[in-house]
Amino acid sequence: MENSKTKTKTVEKEKLVAETLNGRFAMIGLIAALGAYLTTGQIIPGFV
């Protein structure tokens, strides 16, 4: 017996691509912040 109230949610391909890119850029930002800190000792170089 099927339950007529169950629905399958689908995610649009554009949203999946957007979230993937957002995650990748966030990781690049973290790596850039870590690199700046390791080389200069400051999170934002030039800002005291």
C-alpha atoms as a PDB file:
ATOM      1  CA  MET A   1       0.000   0.000   0.000  1.00  0.00           C
ATOM      2  CA  GLU A   2       1.466   3.339  -1.050  1.00  0.00           C
ATOM      3  CA  ASN A   3       1.452   6.397   1.106  1.00  0.00           C
ATOM      4  CA  SER A   4       0.136   9.236  -1.042  1.00  0.00           C
ATOM      5  CA  LYS A   5       1.598  11.901   1.269  1.00  0.00           C
ATOM      6  CA  THR A   6       5.257  11.070   0.662  1.00  0.00           C
ATOM      7  CA  LYS A   7       6.964  13.424  -1.748  1.00  0.00           C
ATOM      8  CA  THR A   8      10.479  13.294  -3.122  1.00  0.00           C
ATOM      9  CA  LYS A   9      12.356  16.575  -2.958  1.00  0.00           C
ATOM     10  CA  THR A  10      14.611  17.383  -5.871  1.00  0.00           C
ATOM     11  CA  VAL A  11      17.370  19.979  -5.899  1.00  0.00           C
ATOM     12  CA  GLU A  12      17.849  22.070  -9.002  1.00  0.00           C
ATOM     13  CA  LYS A  13      21.193  21.666 -10.744  1.00  0.00           C
ATOM     14  CA  GLU A  14      21.887  25.426 -10.584  1.00  0.00           C
ATOM     15  CA  LYS A  15      21.586  25.445  -6.791  1.00  0.00           C
ATOM     16  CA  LEU A  16      23.887  22.453  -6.507  1.00  0.00           C
ATOM     17  CA  VAL A  17      26.530  24.158  -8.664  1.00  0.00           C
ATOM     18  CA  ALA A  18      26.157  27.432  -6.740  1.00  0.00           C
ATOM     19  CA  GLU A  19      26.620  25.750  -3.365  1.00  0.00           C
ATOM     20  CA  THR A  20      29.631  23.800  -4.629  1.00  0.00           C
ATOM     21  CA  LEU A  21      31.287  26.980  -5.913  1.00  0.00           C
ATOM     22  CA  ASN A  22      30.466  28.793  -2.686  1.00  0.00           C
ATOM     23  CA  GLY A  23      32.132  26.068  -0.656  1.00  0.00           C
ATOM     24  CA  ARG A  24      35.225  26.056  -2.858  1.00  0.00           C
ATOM     25  CA  PHE A  25      35.632  29.829  -2.675  1.00  0.00           C
ATOM     26  CA  ALA A  26      35.200  29.692   1.093  1.00  0.00           C
ATOM     27  CA  MET A  27      38.000  27.126   1.335  1.00  0.00           C
ATOM     28  CA  ILE A  28      40.224  29.300  -0.892  1.00  0.00           C
ATOM     29  CA  GLY A  29      39.515  32.234   1.444  1.00  0.00           C
ATOM     30  CA  LEU A  30      40.507  30.212   4.487  1.00  0.00           C
ATOM     31  CA  ILE A  31      43.741  29.096   2.825  1.00  0.00           C
ATOM     32  CA  ALA A  32      44.499  32.703   1.810  1.00  0.00           C
ATOM     33  CA  ALA A  33      43.888  33.917   5.369  1.00  0.00           C
ATOM     34  CA  LEU A  34      46.134  31.183   6.748  1.00  0.00           C
ATOM     35  CA  GLY A  35      48.862  32.045   4.223  1.00  0.00           C
ATOM     36  CA  ALA A  36      48.647  35.740   5.091  1.00  0.00           C
ATOM     37  CA  TYR A  37      48.886  34.954   8.775  1.00  0.00           C
ATOM     38  CA  LEU A  38      51.852  32.633   8.347  1.00  0.00           C
ATOM     39  CA  THR A  39      53.815  35.070   6.193  1.00  0.00           C
ATOM     40  CA  THR A  40      53.016  38.382   7.914  1.00  0.00           C
ATOM     41  CA  GLY A  41      51.663  37.465  11.332  1.00  0.00           C
ATOM     42  CA  GLN A  42      48.513  39.454  10.614  1.00  0.00           C
ATOM     43  CA  ILE A  43      45.126  38.247   9.434  1.00  0.00           C
ATOM     44  CA  ILE A  44      44.634  41.374   7.296  1.00  0.00           C
ATOM     45  CA  PRO A  45      48.065  42.649   6.191  1.00  0.00           C
ATOM     46  CA  GLY A  46      48.414  46.401   6.625  1.00  0.00           C
ATOM     47  CA  PHE A  47      45.553  46.645   9.126  1.00  0.00           C
ATOM     48  CA  VAL A  48      46.780  47.024  12.685  1.00  0.00           C
END
